[in-house]
PDB file of N, CA and C in Angstrom:
ATOM      1  N   UNK A   1      37.725  43.744  41.560  1.00  0.00           N
ATOM      2  CA  UNK A   1      37.795  45.033  40.890  1.00  0.00           C
ATOM      3  C   UNK A   1      36.637  45.158  39.908  1.00  0.00           C
ATOM      4  N   UNK A   2      36.009  46.333  39.850  1.00  0.00           N
ATOM      5  CA  UNK A   2      34.877  46.534  38.965  1.00  0.00           C
ATOM      6  C   UNK A   2      35.340  46.778  37.532  1.00  0.00           C
ATOM      7  N   UNK A   3      34.405  46.581  36.615  1.00  0.00           N
ATOM      8  CA  UNK A   3      34.711  46.835  35.212  1.00  0.00           C
ATOM      9  C   UNK A   3      34.960  48.323  35.000  1.00  0.00           C
ATOM     10  N   UNK A   4      35.797  48.655  34.021  1.00  0.00           N
ATOM     11  CA  UNK A   4      36.033  50.071  33.743  1.00  0.00           C
ATOM     12  C   UNK A   4      34.751  50.730  33.228  1.00  0.00           C
ATOM     13  N   UNK A   5      34.613  51.993  33.543  1.00  0.00           N
ATOM     14  CA  UNK A   5      33.456  52.734  33.057  1.00  0.00           C
ATOM     15  C   UNK A   5      33.632  53.034  31.580  1.00  0.00           C
ATOM     16  N   UNK A   6      32.517  52.921  30.851  1.00  0.00           N
ATOM     17  CA  UNK A   6      32.510  53.167  29.412  1.00  0.00           C
ATOM     18  C   UNK A   6      32.096  54.611  29.146  1.00  0.00           C
ATOM     19  N   UNK A   7      32.876  55.290  28.309  1.00  0.00           N
ATOM     20  CA  UNK A   7      32.623  56.678  27.951  1.00  0.00           C
ATOM     21  C   UNK A   7      32.514  56.788  26.437  1.00  0.00           C
ATOM     22  N   UNK A   8      31.479  57.491  25.992  1.00  0.00           N
ATOM     23  CA  UNK A   8      31.414  57.905  24.592  1.00  0.00           C
ATOM     24  C   UNK A   8      31.633  59.404  24.599  1.00  0.00           C
ATOM     25  N   UNK A   9      32.579  59.843  23.785  1.00  0.00           N
ATOM     26  CA  UNK A   9      32.831  61.279  23.700  1.00  0.00           C
ATOM     27  C   UNK A   9      32.749  61.744  22.261  1.00  0.00           C
ATOM     28  N   UNK A  10      32.254  62.977  22.102  1.00  0.00           N
ATOM     29  CA  UNK A  10      32.144  63.580  20.778  1.00  0.00           C
ATOM     30  C   UNK A  10      32.793  64.957  20.798  1.00  0.00           C
ATOM     31  N   UNK A  11      33.584  65.188  19.771  1.00  0.00           N
ATOM     32  CA  UNK A  11      34.244  66.486  19.578  1.00  0.00           C
ATOM     33  C   UNK A  11      34.551  66.574  18.092  1.00  0.00           C
ATOM     34  N   UNK A  12      34.383  67.732  17.501  1.00  0.00           N
ATOM     35  CA  UNK A  12      34.670  67.858  16.078  1.00  0.00           C
ATOM     36  C   UNK A  12      36.164  67.958  15.795  1.00  0.00           C
ATOM     37  N   UNK A  13      36.977  68.070  16.825  1.00  0.00           N
ATOM     38  CA  UNK A  13      38.426  68.120  16.653  1.00  0.00           C
ATOM     39  C   UNK A  13      39.024  66.731  16.881  1.00  0.00           C
ATOM     40  N   UNK A  14      39.571  66.170  15.823  1.00  0.00           N
ATOM     41  CA  UNK A  14      40.196  64.841  15.928  1.00  0.00           C
ATOM     42  C   UNK A  14      41.368  64.867  16.914  1.00  0.00           C
ATOM     43  N   UNK A  15      42.104  65.974  16.935  1.00  0.00           N
ATOM     44  CA  UNK A  15      43.252  66.087  17.843  1.00  0.00           C
ATOM     45  C   UNK A  15      42.779  66.087  19.293  1.00  0.00           C
ATOM     46  N   UNK A  16      41.754  66.890  19.601  1.00  0.00           N
ATOM     47  CA  UNK A  16      41.205  66.917  20.963  1.00  0.00           C
ATOM     48  C   UNK A  16      40.722  65.526  21.368  1.00  0.00           C
ATOM     49  N   UNK A  17      40.038  64.838  20.451  1.00  0.00           N
ATOM     50  CA  UNK A  17      39.540  63.490  20.746  1.00  0.00           C
ATOM     51  C   UNK A  17      40.670  62.528  21.060  1.00  0.00           C
ATOM     52  N   UNK A  18      41.705  62.565  20.236  1.00  0.00           N
ATOM     53  CA  UNK A  18      42.831  61.647  20.409  1.00  0.00           C
ATOM     54  C   UNK A  18      43.515  61.862  21.757  1.00  0.00           C
ATOM     55  N   UNK A  19      43.764  63.117  22.093  1.00  0.00           N
ATOM     56  CA  UNK A  19      44.425  63.435  23.359  1.00  0.00           C
ATOM     57  C   UNK A  19      43.544  63.042  24.539  1.00  0.00           C
ATOM     58  N   UNK A  20      42.275  63.438  24.504  1.00  0.00           N
ATOM     59  CA  UNK A  20      41.365  63.137  25.616  1.00  0.00           C
ATOM     60  C   UNK A  20      41.156  61.635  25.771  1.00  0.00           C
ATOM     61  N   UNK A  21      40.988  60.918  24.668  1.00  0.00           N
ATOM     62  CA  UNK A  21      40.793  59.470  24.742  1.00  0.00           C
ATOM     63  C   UNK A  21      42.000  58.790  25.376  1.00  0.00           C
ATOM     64  N   UNK A  22      43.194  59.198  24.998  1.00  0.00           N
ATOM     65  CA  UNK A  22      44.421  58.611  25.564  1.00  0.00           C
ATOM     66  C   UNK A  22      44.512  58.869  27.068  1.00  0.00           C
ATOM     67  N   UNK A  23      44.234  60.101  27.483  1.00  0.00           N
ATOM     68  CA  UNK A  23      44.287  60.449  28.904  1.00  0.00           C
ATOM     69  C   UNK A  23      43.253  59.641  29.686  1.00  0.00           C
ATOM     70  N   UNK A  24      42.051  59.517  29.137  1.00  0.00           N
ATOM     71  CA  UNK A  24      40.995  58.767  29.836  1.00  0.00           C
ATOM     72  C   UNK A  24      41.296  57.271  29.883  1.00  0.00           C
ATOM     73  N   UNK A  25      41.814  56.729  28.800  1.00  0.00           N
ATOM     74  CA  UNK A  25      42.190  55.303  28.797  1.00  0.00           C
ATOM     75  C   UNK A  25      43.298  55.039  29.805  1.00  0.00           C
ATOM     76  N   UNK A  26      44.276  55.941  29.878  1.00  0.00           N
ATOM     77  CA  UNK A  26      45.354  55.805  30.858  1.00  0.00           C
ATOM     78  C   UNK A  26      44.821  55.885  32.289  1.00  0.00           C
ATOM     79  N   UNK A  27      43.678  56.557  32.465  1.00  0.00           N
ATOM     80  CA  UNK A  27      43.062  56.689  33.792  1.00  0.00           C
ATOM     81  C   UNK A  27      42.113  55.532  34.106  1.00  0.00           C
ATOM     82  N   UNK A  28      42.022  54.553  33.188  1.00  0.00           N
ATOM     83  CA  UNK A  28      41.238  53.356  33.461  1.00  0.00           C
ATOM     84  C   UNK A  28      39.852  53.296  32.847  1.00  0.00           C
ATOM     85  N   UNK A  29      39.509  54.262  32.012  1.00  0.00           N
ATOM     86  CA  UNK A  29      38.201  54.251  31.347  1.00  0.00           C
ATOM     87  C   UNK A  29      38.290  53.537  30.007  1.00  0.00           C
ATOM     88  N   UNK A  30      37.167  52.959  29.566  1.00  0.00           N
ATOM     89  CA  UNK A  30      37.045  52.473  28.195  1.00  0.00           C
ATOM     90  C   UNK A  30      36.410  53.611  27.409  1.00  0.00           C
ATOM     91  N   UNK A  31      36.975  53.952  26.261  1.00  0.00           N
ATOM     92  CA  UNK A  31      36.544  55.147  25.537  1.00  0.00           C
ATOM     93  C   UNK A  31      36.228  54.827  24.082  1.00  0.00           C
ATOM     94  N   UNK A  32      35.116  55.372  23.639  1.00  0.00           N
ATOM     95  CA  UNK A  32      34.809  55.425  22.210  1.00  0.00           C
ATOM     96  C   UNK A  32      34.722  56.903  21.872  1.00  0.00           C
ATOM     97  N   UNK A  33      35.629  57.363  21.034  1.00  0.00           N
ATOM     98  CA  UNK A  33      35.704  58.772  20.666  1.00  0.00           C
ATOM     99  C   UNK A  33      35.289  58.932  19.209  1.00  0.00           C
ATOM    100  N   UNK A  34      34.323  59.824  18.979  1.00  0.00           N
ATOM    101  CA  UNK A  34      33.785  60.011  17.634  1.00  0.00           C
ATOM    102  C   UNK A  34      33.720  61.501  17.304  1.00  0.00           C
ATOM    103  N   UNK A  35      33.753  61.799  15.995  1.00  0.00           N
ATOM    104  CA  UNK A  35      33.741  63.202  15.587  1.00  0.00           C
ATOM    105  C   UNK A  35      32.502  63.578  14.775  1.00  0.00           C
ATOM    106  N   UNK A  36      31.577  62.646  14.594  1.00  0.00           N
ATOM    107  CA  UNK A  36      30.356  62.974  13.856  1.00  0.00           C
ATOM    108  C   UNK A  36      29.138  62.580  14.675  1.00  0.00           C
ATOM    109  N   UNK A  37      28.062  63.286  14.434  1.00  0.00           N
ATOM    110  CA  UNK A  37      26.823  63.027  15.162  1.00  0.00           C
ATOM    111  C   UNK A  37      26.284  61.628  14.877  1.00  0.00           C
ATOM    112  N   UNK A  38      26.352  61.191  13.646  1.00  0.00           N
ATOM    113  CA  UNK A  38      25.870  59.854  13.276  1.00  0.00           C
ATOM    114  C   UNK A  38      26.643  58.774  14.037  1.00  0.00           C
ATOM    115  N   UNK A  39      27.961  58.889  14.064  1.00  0.00           N
ATOM    116  CA  UNK A  39      28.776  57.903  14.789  1.00  0.00           C
ATOM    117  C   UNK A  39      28.511  57.974  16.291  1.00  0.00           C
ATOM    118  N   UNK A  40      28.276  59.183  16.788  1.00  0.00           N
ATOM    119  CA  UNK A  40      27.974  59.348  18.206  1.00  0.00           C
ATOM    120  C   UNK A  40      26.692  58.612  18.577  1.00  0.00           C
ATOM    121  N   UNK A  41      25.636  58.843  17.824  1.00  0.00           N
ATOM    122  CA  UNK A  41      24.357  58.194  18.121  1.00  0.00           C
ATOM    123  C   UNK A  41      24.505  56.677  18.047  1.00  0.00           C
ATOM    124  N   UNK A  42      25.198  56.187  17.035  1.00  0.00           N
ATOM    125  CA  UNK A  42      25.422  54.737  16.917  1.00  0.00           C
ATOM    126  C   UNK A  42      26.202  54.202  18.119  1.00  0.00           C
ATOM    127  N   UNK A  43      27.254  54.895  18.519  1.00  0.00           N
ATOM    128  CA  UNK A  43      28.069  54.438  19.651  1.00  0.00           C
ATOM    129  C   UNK A  43      27.259  54.425  20.939  1.00  0.00           C
ATOM    130  N   UNK A  44      26.477  55.453  21.164  1.00  0.00           N
ATOM    131  CA  UNK A  44      25.676  55.521  22.390  1.00  0.00           C
ATOM    132  C   UNK A  44      24.623  54.419  22.412  1.00  0.00           C
ATOM    133  N   UNK A  45      23.927  54.221  21.319  1.00  0.00           N
ATOM    134  CA  UNK A  45      22.854  53.227  21.284  1.00  0.00           C
ATOM    135  C   UNK A  45      23.397  51.793  21.308  1.00  0.00           C
ATOM    136  N   UNK A  46      24.523  51.562  20.651  1.00  0.00           N
ATOM    137  CA  UNK A  46      25.092  50.212  20.592  1.00  0.00           C
ATOM    138  C   UNK A  46      25.879  49.835  21.840  1.00  0.00           C
ATOM    139  N   UNK A  47      26.595  50.791  22.416  1.00  0.00           N
ATOM    140  CA  UNK A  47      27.559  50.490  23.478  1.00  0.00           C
ATOM    141  C   UNK A  47      27.031  50.760  24.875  1.00  0.00           C
ATOM    142  N   UNK A  48      25.987  51.562  25.002  1.00  0.00           N
ATOM    143  CA  UNK A  48      25.380  51.889  26.304  1.00  0.00           C
ATOM    144  C   UNK A  48      26.429  52.385  27.313  1.00  0.00           C
ATOM    145  N   UNK A  49      26.998  53.567  27.061  1.00  0.00           N
ATOM    146  CA  UNK A  49      28.054  54.067  27.954  1.00  0.00           C
ATOM    147  C   UNK A  49      27.531  54.433  29.332  1.00  0.00           C
ATOM    148  N   UNK A  50      28.455  54.445  30.302  1.00  0.00           N
ATOM    149  CA  UNK A  50      28.126  54.914  31.646  1.00  0.00           C
ATOM    150  C   UNK A  50      28.157  56.437  31.716  1.00  0.00           C
ATOM    151  N   UNK A  51      28.934  57.055  30.816  1.00  0.00           N
ATOM    152  CA  UNK A  51      29.126  58.501  30.795  1.00  0.00           C
ATOM    153  C   UNK A  51      29.208  58.988  29.357  1.00  0.00           C
ATOM    154  N   UNK A  52      28.784  60.239  29.162  1.00  0.00           N
ATOM    155  CA  UNK A  52      28.906  60.886  27.854  1.00  0.00           C
ATOM    156  C   UNK A  52      29.647  62.202  28.059  1.00  0.00           C
ATOM    157  N   UNK A  53      30.615  62.460  27.184  1.00  0.00           N
ATOM    158  CA  UNK A  53      31.355  63.721  27.202  1.00  0.00           C
ATOM    159  C   UNK A  53      31.156  64.370  25.844  1.00  0.00           C
ATOM    160  N   UNK A  54      30.707  65.621  25.848  1.00  0.00           N
ATOM    161  CA  UNK A  54      30.486  66.330  24.594  1.00  0.00           C
ATOM    162  C   UNK A  54      31.175  67.688  24.585  1.00  0.00           C
ATOM    163  N   UNK A  55      31.708  68.014  23.429  1.00  0.00           N
ATOM    164  CA  UNK A  55      32.218  69.353  23.193  1.00  0.00           C
ATOM    165  C   UNK A  55      31.002  70.279  23.123  1.00  0.00           C
ATOM    166  N   UNK A  56      31.203  71.558  23.315  1.00  0.00           N
ATOM    167  CA  UNK A  56      30.095  72.507  23.252  1.00  0.00           C
ATOM    168  C   UNK A  56      29.869  73.012  21.827  1.00  0.00           C
ATOM    169  N   UNK A  57      30.938  73.431  21.170  1.00  0.00           N
ATOM    170  CA  UNK A  57      30.810  74.022  19.828  1.00  0.00           C
ATOM    171  C   UNK A  57      31.170  73.002  18.765  1.00  0.00           C
ATOM    172  N   UNK A  58      30.127  72.516  18.053  1.00  0.00           N
ATOM    173  CA  UNK A  58      30.312  71.545  16.979  1.00  0.00           C
ATOM    174  C   UNK A  58      29.422  71.946  15.809  1.00  0.00           C
ATOM    175  N   UNK A  59      29.800  71.590  14.590  1.00  0.00           N
ATOM    176  CA  UNK A  59      29.047  72.054  13.424  1.00  0.00           C
ATOM    177  C   UNK A  59      27.668  71.409  13.241  1.00  0.00           C
ATOM    178  N   UNK A  60      27.518  70.130  13.542  1.00  0.00           N
ATOM    179  CA  UNK A  60      26.244  69.458  13.277  1.00  0.00           C
ATOM    180  C   UNK A  60      25.172  69.791  14.306  1.00  0.00           C
ATOM    181  N   UNK A  61      25.580  69.892  15.557  1.00  0.00           N
ATOM    182  CA  UNK A  61      24.669  70.177  16.663  1.00  0.00           C
ATOM    183  C   UNK A  61      25.531  70.601  17.832  1.00  0.00           C
ATOM    184  N   UNK A  62      25.143  71.642  18.533  1.00  0.00           N
ATOM    185  CA  UNK A  62      25.957  72.070  19.673  1.00  0.00           C
ATOM    186  C   UNK A  62      25.852  71.047  20.797  1.00  0.00           C
ATOM    187  N   UNK A  63      26.840  71.058  21.670  1.00  0.00           N
ATOM    188  CA  UNK A  63      26.799  70.172  22.822  1.00  0.00           C
ATOM    189  C   UNK A  63      25.599  70.443  23.711  1.00  0.00           C
ATOM    190  N   UNK A  64      25.180  71.702  23.782  1.00  0.00           N
ATOM    191  CA  UNK A  64      23.988  72.046  24.569  1.00  0.00           C
ATOM    192  C   UNK A  64      22.741  71.423  23.945  1.00  0.00           C
ATOM    193  N   UNK A  65      22.602  71.534  22.628  1.00  0.00           N
ATOM    194  CA  UNK A  65      21.461  70.918  21.940  1.00  0.00           C
ATOM    195  C   UNK A  65      21.508  69.402  22.078  1.00  0.00           C
ATOM    196  N   UNK A  66      22.707  68.842  21.958  1.00  0.00           N
ATOM    197  CA  UNK A  66      22.873  67.395  22.081  1.00  0.00           C
ATOM    198  C   UNK A  66      22.472  66.930  23.471  1.00  0.00           C
ATOM    199  N   UNK A  67      22.896  67.647  24.494  1.00  0.00           N
ATOM    200  CA  UNK A  67      22.553  67.298  25.860  1.00  0.00           C
ATOM    201  C   UNK A  67      21.032  67.323  26.054  1.00  0.00           C
ATOM    202  N   UNK A  68      20.392  68.365  25.581  1.00  0.00           N
ATOM    203  CA  UNK A  68      18.930  68.461  25.691  1.00  0.00           C
ATOM    204  C   UNK A  68      18.255  67.291  24.974  1.00  0.00           C
ATOM    205  N   UNK A  69      18.752  66.947  23.786  1.00  0.00           N
ATOM    206  CA  UNK A  69      18.192  65.820  23.029  1.00  0.00           C
ATOM    207  C   UNK A  69      18.387  64.502  23.786  1.00  0.00           C
ATOM    208  N   UNK A  70      19.592  64.297  24.340  1.00  0.00           N
ATOM    209  CA  UNK A  70      19.870  63.065  25.079  1.00  0.00           C
ATOM    210  C   UNK A  70      18.953  62.932  26.295  1.00  0.00           C
ATOM    211  N   UNK A  71      18.630  64.029  26.948  1.00  0.00           N
ATOM    212  CA  UNK A  71      17.755  64.002  28.121  1.00  0.00           C
ATOM    213  C   UNK A  71      16.324  63.617  27.750  1.00  0.00           C
ATOM    214  N   UNK A  72      15.936  63.790  26.484  1.00  0.00           N
ATOM    215  CA  UNK A  72      14.587  63.430  26.040  1.00  0.00           C
ATOM    216  C   UNK A  72      14.490  61.981  25.564  1.00  0.00           C
ATOM    217  N   UNK A  73      15.628  61.306  25.407  1.00  0.00           N
ATOM    218  CA  UNK A  73      15.634  59.928  24.930  1.00  0.00           C
ATOM    219  C   UNK A  73      15.553  58.967  26.116  1.00  0.00           C
ATOM    220  N   UNK A  74      14.715  57.955  26.014  1.00  0.00           N
ATOM    221  CA  UNK A  74      14.550  56.985  27.091  1.00  0.00           C
ATOM    222  C   UNK A  74      15.886  56.324  27.434  1.00  0.00           C
ATOM    223  N   UNK A  75      16.670  55.981  26.410  1.00  0.00           N
ATOM    224  CA  UNK A  75      17.918  55.244  26.607  1.00  0.00           C
ATOM    225  C   UNK A  75      18.998  56.062  27.310  1.00  0.00           C
ATOM    226  N   UNK A  76      18.934  57.387  27.202  1.00  0.00           N
ATOM    227  CA  UNK A  76      20.017  58.228  27.725  1.00  0.00           C
ATOM    228  C   UNK A  76      19.549  59.286  28.721  1.00  0.00           C
ATOM    229  N   UNK A  77      18.301  59.268  29.082  1.00  0.00           N
ATOM    230  CA  UNK A  77      17.748  60.317  29.949  1.00  0.00           C
ATOM    231  C   UNK A  77      18.501  60.442  31.267  1.00  0.00           C
ATOM    232  N   UNK A  78      19.013  59.332  31.779  1.00  0.00           N
ATOM    233  CA  UNK A  78      19.692  59.346  33.076  1.00  0.00           C
ATOM    234  C   UNK A  78      21.204  59.139  32.972  1.00  0.00           C
ATOM    235  N   UNK A  79      21.733  59.036  31.761  1.00  0.00           N
ATOM    236  CA  UNK A  79      23.174  58.864  31.580  1.00  0.00           C
ATOM    237  C   UNK A  79      23.885  60.170  31.928  1.00  0.00           C
ATOM    238  N   UNK A  80      24.871  60.135  32.815  1.00  0.00           N
ATOM    239  CA  UNK A  80      25.607  61.359  33.154  1.00  0.00           C
ATOM    240  C   UNK A  80      26.302  61.957  31.929  1.00  0.00           C
ATOM    241  N   UNK A  81      26.195  63.288  31.818  1.00  0.00           N
ATOM    242  CA  UNK A  81      26.773  64.012  30.687  1.00  0.00           C
ATOM    243  C   UNK A  81      27.665  65.137  31.207  1.00  0.00           C
ATOM    244  N   UNK A  82      28.847  65.226  30.624  1.00  0.00           N
ATOM    245  CA  UNK A  82      29.786  66.303  30.914  1.00  0.00           C
ATOM    246  C   UNK A  82      29.990  67.108  29.641  1.00  0.00           C
ATOM    247  N   UNK A  83      29.894  68.421  29.748  1.00  0.00           N
ATOM    248  CA  UNK A  83      30.196  69.301  28.627  1.00  0.00           C
ATOM    249  C   UNK A  83      31.621  69.807  28.806  1.00  0.00           C
ATOM    250  N   UNK A  84      32.393  69.697  27.742  1.00  0.00           N
ATOM    251  CA  UNK A  84      33.797  70.089  27.772  1.00  0.00           C
ATOM    252  C   UNK A  84      33.999  71.187  26.731  1.00  0.00           C
ATOM    253  N   UNK A  85      34.527  72.326  27.169  1.00  0.00           N
ATOM    254  CA  UNK A  85      34.673  73.452  26.249  1.00  0.00           C
ATOM    255  C   UNK A  85      35.732  74.422  26.736  1.00  0.00           C
ATOM    256  N   UNK A  86      36.148  75.291  25.829  1.00  0.00           N
ATOM    257  CA  UNK A  86      37.086  76.348  26.204  1.00  0.00           C
ATOM    258  C   UNK A  86      36.353  77.635  26.597  1.00  0.00           C
ATOM    259  N   UNK A  87      35.020  77.575  26.653  1.00  0.00           N
ATOM    260  CA  UNK A  87      34.213  78.715  27.099  1.00  0.00           C
ATOM    261  C   UNK A  87      34.569  79.013  28.555  1.00  0.00           C
ATOM    262  N   UNK A  88      34.500  80.275  28.948  1.00  0.00           N
ATOM    263  CA  UNK A  88      34.789  80.707  30.322  1.00  0.00           C
ATOM    264  C   UNK A  88      33.949  79.898  31.316  1.00  0.00           C
ATOM    265  N   UNK A  89      34.546  79.545  32.460  1.00  0.00           N
ATOM    266  CA  UNK A  89      33.911  78.648  33.423  1.00  0.00           C
ATOM    267  C   UNK A  89      32.504  79.064  33.844  1.00  0.00           C
ATOM    268  N   UNK A  90      32.290  80.338  34.133  1.00  0.00           N
ATOM    269  CA  UNK A  90      30.973  80.788  34.573  1.00  0.00           C
ATOM    270  C   UNK A  90      29.909  80.544  33.519  1.00  0.00           C
ATOM    271  N   UNK A  91      30.231  80.854  32.277  1.00  0.00           N
ATOM    272  CA  UNK A  91      29.302  80.625  31.166  1.00  0.00           C
ATOM    273  C   UNK A  91      29.104  79.132  30.929  1.00  0.00           C
ATOM    274  N   UNK A  92      30.165  78.365  31.015  1.00  0.00           N
ATOM    275  CA  UNK A  92      30.088  76.921  30.831  1.00  0.00           C
ATOM    276  C   UNK A  92      29.208  76.285  31.906  1.00  0.00           C
ATOM    277  N   UNK A  93      29.367  76.725  33.126  1.00  0.00           N
ATOM    278  CA  UNK A  93      28.523  76.217  34.216  1.00  0.00           C
ATOM    279  C   UNK A  93      27.061  76.566  33.966  1.00  0.00           C
ATOM    280  N   UNK A  94      26.787  77.794  33.537  1.00  0.00           N
ATOM    281  CA  UNK A  94      25.413  78.217  33.274  1.00  0.00           C
ATOM    282  C   UNK A  94      24.779  77.364  32.170  1.00  0.00           C
ATOM    283  N   UNK A  95      25.518  77.135  31.100  1.00  0.00           N
ATOM    284  CA  UNK A  95      25.018  76.321  29.994  1.00  0.00           C
ATOM    285  C   UNK A  95      24.760  74.889  30.460  1.00  0.00           C
ATOM    286  N   UNK A  96      25.715  74.309  31.183  1.00  0.00           N
ATOM    287  CA  UNK A  96      25.569  72.936  31.665  1.00  0.00           C
ATOM    288  C   UNK A  96      24.310  72.779  32.523  1.00  0.00           C
ATOM    289  N   UNK A  97      24.094  73.703  33.429  1.00  0.00           N
ATOM    290  CA  UNK A  97      22.896  73.654  34.281  1.00  0.00           C
ATOM    291  C   UNK A  97      21.622  73.797  33.455  1.00  0.00           C
ATOM    292  N   UNK A  98      21.634  74.725  32.493  1.00  0.00           N
ATOM    293  CA  UNK A  98      20.442  75.008  31.695  1.00  0.00           C
ATOM    294  C   UNK A  98      19.985  73.819  30.860  1.00  0.00           C
ATOM    295  N   UNK A  99      20.925  72.991  30.422  1.00  0.00           N
ATOM    296  CA  UNK A  99      20.563  71.876  29.540  1.00  0.00           C
ATOM    297  C   UNK A  99      20.546  70.523  30.250  1.00  0.00           C
ATOM    298  N   UNK A 100      20.753  70.517  31.551  1.00  0.00           N
ATOM    299  CA  UNK A 100      20.663  69.272  32.311  1.00  0.00           C
ATOM    300  C   UNK A 100      21.916  68.422  32.318  1.00  0.00           C
ATOM    301  N   UNK A 101      23.060  69.021  31.990  1.00  0.00           N
ATOM    302  CA  UNK A 101      24.319  68.269  32.077  1.00  0.00           C
ATOM    303  C   UNK A 101      24.673  68.059  33.546  1.00  0.00           C
ATOM    304  N   UNK A 102      25.432  67.019  33.810  1.00  0.00           N
ATOM    305  CA  UNK A 102      25.820  66.691  35.181  1.00  0.00           C
ATOM    306  C   UNK A 102      27.079  67.423  35.612  1.00  0.00           C
ATOM    307  N   UNK A 103      27.749  68.057  34.676  1.00  0.00           N
ATOM    308  CA  UNK A 103      28.957  68.782  35.008  1.00  0.00           C
ATOM    309  C   UNK A 103      29.604  69.343  33.761  1.00  0.00           C
ATOM    310  N   UNK A 104      30.720  69.980  33.977  1.00  0.00           N
ATOM    311  CA  UNK A 104      31.455  70.586  32.872  1.00  0.00           C
ATOM    312  C   UNK A 104      32.939  70.566  33.215  1.00  0.00           C
ATOM    313  N   UNK A 105      33.757  70.632  32.185  1.00  0.00           N
ATOM    314  CA  UNK A 105      35.205  70.719  32.335  1.00  0.00           C
ATOM    315  C   UNK A 105      35.707  71.720  31.313  1.00  0.00           C
ATOM    316  N   UNK A 106      36.518  72.632  31.755  1.00  0.00           N
ATOM    317  CA  UNK A 106      37.112  73.609  30.856  1.00  0.00           C
ATOM    318  C   UNK A 106      38.314  72.985  30.151  1.00  0.00           C
ATOM    319  N   UNK A 107      38.353  73.099  28.843  1.00  0.00           N
ATOM    320  CA  UNK A 107      39.511  72.605  28.094  1.00  0.00           C
ATOM    321  C   UNK A 107      40.773  73.361  28.485  1.00  0.00           C
ATOM    322  N   UNK A 108      40.624  74.595  28.953  1.00  0.00           N
ATOM    323  CA  UNK A 108      41.792  75.369  29.357  1.00  0.00           C
ATOM    324  C   UNK A 108      42.443  74.808  30.618  1.00  0.00           C
ATOM    325  N   UNK A 109      41.740  73.944  31.350  1.00  0.00           N
ATOM    326  CA  UNK A 109      42.306  73.317  32.547  1.00  0.00           C
ATOM    327  C   UNK A 109      43.301  72.210  32.185  1.00  0.00           C
ATOM    328  N   UNK A 110      43.360  71.856  30.907  1.00  0.00           N
ATOM    329  CA  UNK A 110      44.279  70.819  30.457  1.00  0.00           C
ATOM    330  C   UNK A 110      43.606  69.456  30.447  1.00  0.00           C
ATOM    331  N   UNK A 111      44.154  68.511  29.686  1.00  0.00           N
ATOM    332  CA  UNK A 111      43.515  67.202  29.547  1.00  0.00           C
ATOM    333  C   UNK A 111      43.450  66.404  30.842  1.00  0.00           C
ATOM    334  N   UNK A 112      44.321  66.689  31.796  1.00  0.00           N
ATOM    335  CA  UNK A 112      44.328  65.935  33.050  1.00  0.00           C
ATOM    336  C   UNK A 112      43.107  66.245  33.914  1.00  0.00           C
ATOM    337  N   UNK A 113      42.444  67.362  33.664  1.00  0.00           N
ATOM    338  CA  UNK A 113      41.263  67.729  34.457  1.00  0.00           C
ATOM    339  C   UNK A 113      40.078  66.820  34.147  1.00  0.00           C
ATOM    340  N   UNK A 114      40.014  66.290  32.954  1.00  0.00           N
ATOM    341  CA  UNK A 114      38.875  65.470  32.556  1.00  0.00           C
ATOM    342  C   UNK A 114      38.753  64.172  33.345  1.00  0.00           C
ATOM    343  N   UNK A 115      39.809  63.353  33.457  1.00  0.00           N
ATOM    344  CA  UNK A 115      39.637  62.121  34.230  1.00  0.00           C
ATOM    345  C   UNK A 115      39.312  62.385  35.698  1.00  0.00           C
ATOM    346  N   UNK A 116      39.868  63.416  36.270  1.00  0.00           N
ATOM    347  CA  UNK A 116      39.564  63.726  37.672  1.00  0.00           C
ATOM    348  C   UNK A 116      38.085  64.040  37.838  1.00  0.00           C
ATOM    349  N   UNK A 117      37.535  64.827  36.928  1.00  0.00           N
ATOM    350  CA  UNK A 117      36.116  65.179  36.980  1.00  0.00           C
ATOM    351  C   UNK A 117      35.248  63.938  36.776  1.00  0.00           C
ATOM    352  N   UNK A 118      35.626  63.096  35.841  1.00  0.00           N
ATOM    353  CA  UNK A 118      34.824  61.908  35.559  1.00  0.00           C
ATOM    354  C   UNK A 118      34.897  60.887  36.693  1.00  0.00           C
ATOM    355  N   UNK A 119      36.074  60.727  37.294  1.00  0.00           N
ATOM    356  CA  UNK A 119      36.158  59.837  38.463  1.00  0.00           C
ATOM    357  C   UNK A 119      35.291  60.357  39.595  1.00  0.00           C
ATOM    358  N   UNK A 120      35.310  61.657  39.831  1.00  0.00           N
ATOM    359  CA  UNK A 120      34.458  62.241  40.884  1.00  0.00           C
ATOM    360  C   UNK A 120      32.988  62.024  40.557  1.00  0.00           C
ATOM    361  N   UNK A 121      32.613  62.170  39.306  1.00  0.00           N
ATOM    362  CA  UNK A 121      31.237  61.958  38.905  1.00  0.00           C
ATOM    363  C   UNK A 121      30.848  60.493  39.086  1.00  0.00           C
ATOM    364  N   UNK A 122      31.733  59.589  38.742  1.00  0.00           N
ATOM    365  CA  UNK A 122      31.465  58.159  38.944  1.00  0.00           C
ATOM    366  C   UNK A 122      31.245  57.854  40.417  1.00  0.00           C
ATOM    367  N   UNK A 123      32.102  58.395  41.264  1.00  0.00           N
ATOM    368  CA  UNK A 123      31.976  58.169  42.699  1.00  0.00           C
ATOM    369  C   UNK A 123      30.647  58.717  43.227  1.00  0.00           C
ATOM    370  N   UNK A 124      30.240  59.858  42.711  1.00  0.00           N
ATOM    371  CA  UNK A 124      29.025  60.524  43.181  1.00  0.00           C
ATOM    372  C   UNK A 124      27.748  59.890  42.654  1.00  0.00           C
ATOM    373  N   UNK A 125      27.734  59.555  41.372  1.00  0.00           N
ATOM    374  CA  UNK A 125      26.492  59.136  40.716  1.00  0.00           C
ATOM    375  C   UNK A 125      26.388  57.632  40.508  1.00  0.00           C
ATOM    376  N   UNK A 126      27.472  57.001  40.109  1.00  0.00           N
ATOM    377  CA  UNK A 126      27.377  55.610  39.679  1.00  0.00           C
ATOM    378  C   UNK A 126      27.568  54.595  40.792  1.00  0.00           C
ATOM    379  N   UNK A 127      27.988  55.021  41.957  1.00  0.00           N
ATOM    380  CA  UNK A 127      28.212  54.053  43.037  1.00  0.00           C
ATOM    381  C   UNK A 127      27.265  54.300  44.181  1.00  0.00           C
TER     382      UNK A 127
END
C-alpha cells in the first residue's frame, strides 16, 4: 500500500478547516490545515505536500492570487492545486483555469465532494 497523500489546505474559516480536514483524514489523506498565510507558506515549504487546497476568498491574499504565486515558485510550480469556494461553479471554473489551478470544488456540494475530487486528481496526476 502506498503512503497517504499529503495535503496542505488554507481557509480563513477555522470551522471549514476543521470539517474539511476531518473528512479528508477519514478518506485516507494526511492533512495540515492552516488559517494564515504565514503558516501556509511554512507548511508548504517544510512538509512538501502532494496537493494544495485553497479557499478563494481570504483576507490576506485571495486563493486566486495565492495560486498564481505558487505557480511562480520553483518548489510548488507543479504541485496540484484545488480552489474550494462557495462561488457559482461556472465562475469558479473560470477563475481556476485563469490562475492555473488543477481543479475546483464548490463548498455548496458539501464536504464529501472534496475527497472524491482529490482522489480523482491523485489518480489522474500523481500516478
